[in-house]
Amino acid sequence: MEKQTAVEWLEEQLFELRNPTLNQIEILKKAKEMEKEQIVDAFEQGDYTSRGFEDVTSEEYYNINFKSE
């Protein structure tokens, strides 16, 4: 099941309100990159061996659970 991040939620809200400016789109893109780094770092620091992620890299974990593209 794919999860929605806070930045993805914010992006949806901005697009519902009005057409975002190019600057806002760039800010959202940077926020998504930062959030991805935080998720990957948290995975690398955690112990997921008892949760079925023994053979999954942090990048794969992110793609499985959060990648929406």
N, C-alpha and C. Protein backbone atom coordinates (compact mmCIF):
# COMPACT_ATOMS: atom_id res chain seq x y z
N MET A 1 0.84 -1.17 0.00
CA MET A 1 0.00 0.00 0.00
C MET A 1 0.89 1.25 0.00
N GLU A 2 0.65 2.10 -0.94
CA GLU A 2 1.43 3.33 -1.06
C GLU A 2 0.94 4.37 -0.05
N LYS A 3 1.87 5.00 0.62
CA LYS A 3 1.54 6.01 1.62
C LYS A 3 1.72 7.40 1.03
N GLN A 4 0.98 8.34 1.57
CA GLN A 4 1.11 9.73 1.13
C GLN A 4 1.93 10.48 2.16
N THR A 5 2.92 11.20 1.68
CA THR A 5 3.74 11.99 2.59
C THR A 5 3.09 13.35 2.81
N ALA A 6 3.58 14.07 3.80
CA ALA A 6 3.06 15.41 4.11
C ALA A 6 3.27 16.36 2.93
N VAL A 7 4.40 16.25 2.27
CA VAL A 7 4.68 17.13 1.13
C VAL A 7 3.74 16.81 -0.03
N GLU A 8 3.44 15.54 -0.25
CA GLU A 8 2.50 15.18 -1.30
C GLU A 8 1.11 15.73 -0.99
N TRP A 9 0.71 15.67 0.27
CA TRP A 9 -0.57 16.24 0.67
C TRP A 9 -0.60 17.74 0.41
N LEU A 10 0.47 18.43 0.80
CA LEU A 10 0.55 19.87 0.58
C LEU A 10 0.46 20.20 -0.91
N GLU A 11 1.14 19.42 -1.72
CA GLU A 11 1.11 19.62 -3.16
C GLU A 11 -0.33 19.52 -3.69
N GLU A 12 -1.06 18.51 -3.24
CA GLU A 12 -2.45 18.36 -3.66
C GLU A 12 -3.29 19.57 -3.27
N GLN A 13 -3.07 20.07 -2.06
CA GLN A 13 -3.84 21.21 -1.58
C GLN A 13 -3.55 22.46 -2.41
N LEU A 14 -2.29 22.69 -2.74
CA LEU A 14 -1.94 23.86 -3.54
C LEU A 14 -2.53 23.79 -4.94
N PHE A 15 -2.52 22.61 -5.54
CA PHE A 15 -3.07 22.47 -6.89
C PHE A 15 -4.60 22.61 -6.89
N GLU A 16 -5.25 22.26 -5.78
CA GLU A 16 -6.69 22.42 -5.70
C GLU A 16 -7.09 23.89 -5.55
N LEU A 17 -6.25 24.68 -4.89
CA LEU A 17 -6.57 26.08 -4.66
C LEU A 17 -6.48 26.92 -5.94
N ARG A 18 -5.39 26.73 -6.65
CA ARG A 18 -5.17 27.51 -7.88
C ARG A 18 -3.96 26.95 -8.59
N ASN A 19 -3.66 27.48 -9.73
CA ASN A 19 -2.47 27.05 -10.46
C ASN A 19 -1.23 27.60 -9.74
N PRO A 20 -0.37 26.72 -9.29
CA PRO A 20 0.84 27.19 -8.59
C PRO A 20 1.81 27.87 -9.56
N THR A 21 2.58 28.78 -9.01
CA THR A 21 3.60 29.46 -9.81
C THR A 21 4.78 28.52 -10.01
N LEU A 22 5.63 28.87 -10.95
CA LEU A 22 6.84 28.08 -11.19
C LEU A 22 7.70 28.02 -9.93
N ASN A 23 7.79 29.12 -9.21
CA ASN A 23 8.57 29.15 -7.97
C ASN A 23 8.00 28.18 -6.93
N GLN A 24 6.69 28.14 -6.80
CA GLN A 24 6.06 27.21 -5.85
C GLN A 24 6.32 25.77 -6.25
N ILE A 25 6.29 25.50 -7.54
CA ILE A 25 6.56 24.14 -8.01
C ILE A 25 8.00 23.74 -7.69
N GLU A 26 8.93 24.65 -7.86
CA GLU A 26 10.34 24.37 -7.54
C GLU A 26 10.52 24.14 -6.03
N ILE A 27 9.80 24.91 -5.22
CA ILE A 27 9.87 24.73 -3.77
C ILE A 27 9.33 23.36 -3.39
N LEU A 28 8.22 22.96 -3.98
CA LEU A 28 7.66 21.63 -3.71
C LEU A 28 8.62 20.52 -4.14
N LYS A 29 9.26 20.70 -5.28
CA LYS A 29 10.22 19.70 -5.78
C LYS A 29 11.37 19.53 -4.78
N LYS A 30 11.90 20.65 -4.28
CA LYS A 30 12.98 20.59 -3.30
C LYS A 30 12.51 19.95 -2.00
N ALA A 31 11.30 20.29 -1.58
CA ALA A 31 10.75 19.70 -0.35
C ALA A 31 10.60 18.19 -0.49
N LYS A 32 10.17 17.73 -1.66
CA LYS A 32 10.04 16.29 -1.90
C LYS A 32 11.40 15.60 -1.84
N GLU A 33 12.42 16.22 -2.41
CA GLU A 33 13.77 15.66 -2.37
C GLU A 33 14.26 15.55 -0.93
N MET A 34 14.03 16.60 -0.15
CA MET A 34 14.46 16.61 1.25
C MET A 34 13.71 15.54 2.05
N GLU A 35 12.41 15.42 1.82
CA GLU A 35 11.61 14.43 2.54
C GLU A 35 12.06 13.02 2.19
N LYS A 36 12.37 12.78 0.91
CA LYS A 36 12.85 11.46 0.50
C LYS A 36 14.16 11.14 1.23
N GLU A 37 15.08 12.09 1.28
CA GLU A 37 16.34 11.87 1.99
C GLU A 37 16.10 11.51 3.45
N GLN A 38 15.15 12.18 4.09
CA GLN A 38 14.84 11.89 5.50
C GLN A 38 14.29 10.48 5.67
N ILE A 39 13.41 10.06 4.76
CA ILE A 39 12.83 8.71 4.83
C ILE A 39 13.91 7.67 4.62
N VAL A 40 14.77 7.87 3.62
CA VAL A 40 15.85 6.93 3.33
C VAL A 40 16.82 6.86 4.51
N ASP A 41 17.19 8.00 5.07
CA ASP A 41 18.09 8.03 6.23
C ASP A 41 17.49 7.31 7.42
N ALA A 42 16.21 7.53 7.67
CA ALA A 42 15.54 6.87 8.79
C ALA A 42 15.53 5.36 8.60
N PHE A 43 15.31 4.92 7.37
CA PHE A 43 15.32 3.48 7.10
C PHE A 43 16.70 2.90 7.37
N GLU A 44 17.73 3.60 6.90
CA GLU A 44 19.10 3.11 7.08
C GLU A 44 19.49 3.04 8.56
N GLN A 45 18.93 3.88 9.38
CA GLN A 45 19.26 3.90 10.80
C GLN A 45 18.41 2.94 11.61
N GLY A 46 17.32 2.46 11.03
CA GLY A 46 16.40 1.58 11.75
C GLY A 46 16.75 0.12 11.60
N ASP A 47 16.05 -0.72 12.37
CA ASP A 47 16.21 -2.17 12.30
C ASP A 47 14.90 -2.75 11.77
N TYR A 48 14.92 -3.15 10.51
CA TYR A 48 13.72 -3.66 9.86
C TYR A 48 13.79 -5.15 9.57
N THR A 49 14.75 -5.84 10.19
CA THR A 49 14.93 -7.26 9.88
C THR A 49 13.74 -8.10 10.29
N SER A 50 12.98 -7.69 11.30
CA SER A 50 11.84 -8.49 11.73
C SER A 50 10.55 -8.05 11.05
N ARG A 51 10.64 -7.12 10.10
CA ARG A 51 9.44 -6.60 9.44
C ARG A 51 9.38 -6.93 7.96
N GLY A 52 10.21 -7.86 7.51
CA GLY A 52 10.15 -8.29 6.12
C GLY A 52 10.95 -7.44 5.16
N PHE A 53 11.84 -6.61 5.66
CA PHE A 53 12.65 -5.75 4.80
C PHE A 53 14.13 -6.12 4.85
N GLU A 54 14.43 -7.37 5.20
CA GLU A 54 15.81 -7.79 5.36
C GLU A 54 16.64 -7.60 4.09
N ASP A 55 16.05 -7.86 2.95
CA ASP A 55 16.79 -7.83 1.68
C ASP A 55 16.45 -6.61 0.84
N VAL A 56 16.00 -5.54 1.47
CA VAL A 56 15.58 -4.34 0.76
C VAL A 56 16.52 -3.20 1.11
N THR A 57 16.97 -2.48 0.10
CA THR A 57 17.79 -1.29 0.36
C THR A 57 16.89 -0.14 0.77
N SER A 58 17.48 0.90 1.31
CA SER A 58 16.70 2.06 1.72
C SER A 58 16.00 2.71 0.53
N GLU A 59 16.65 2.73 -0.62
CA GLU A 59 16.05 3.29 -1.83
C GLU A 59 14.86 2.44 -2.28
N GLU A 60 15.00 1.13 -2.21
CA GLU A 60 13.89 0.24 -2.57
C GLU A 60 12.72 0.41 -1.61
N TYR A 61 13.03 0.54 -0.32
CA TYR A 61 11.99 0.77 0.69
C TYR A 61 11.19 2.02 0.35
N TYR A 62 11.88 3.10 0.02
CA TYR A 62 11.21 4.35 -0.33
C TYR A 62 10.32 4.15 -1.56
N ASN A 63 10.86 3.52 -2.59
CA ASN A 63 10.09 3.30 -3.81
C ASN A 63 8.86 2.44 -3.59
N ILE A 64 8.98 1.43 -2.74
CA ILE A 64 7.86 0.54 -2.45
C ILE A 64 6.75 1.29 -1.71
N ASN A 65 7.13 2.09 -0.75
CA ASN A 65 6.15 2.70 0.15
C ASN A 65 5.73 4.14 -0.19
N PHE A 66 6.57 4.88 -0.89
CA PHE A 66 6.28 6.30 -1.04
C PHE A 66 6.32 6.84 -2.47
N LYS A 67 6.95 6.17 -3.38
CA LYS A 67 7.10 6.74 -4.73
C LYS A 67 5.76 6.77 -5.44
N SER A 68 5.38 7.94 -5.88
CA SER A 68 4.08 8.09 -6.52
C SER A 68 4.19 8.40 -8.00
N GLU A 69 5.37 8.40 -8.54
CA GLU A 69 5.55 8.74 -9.96
C GLU A 69 5.56 7.51 -10.82
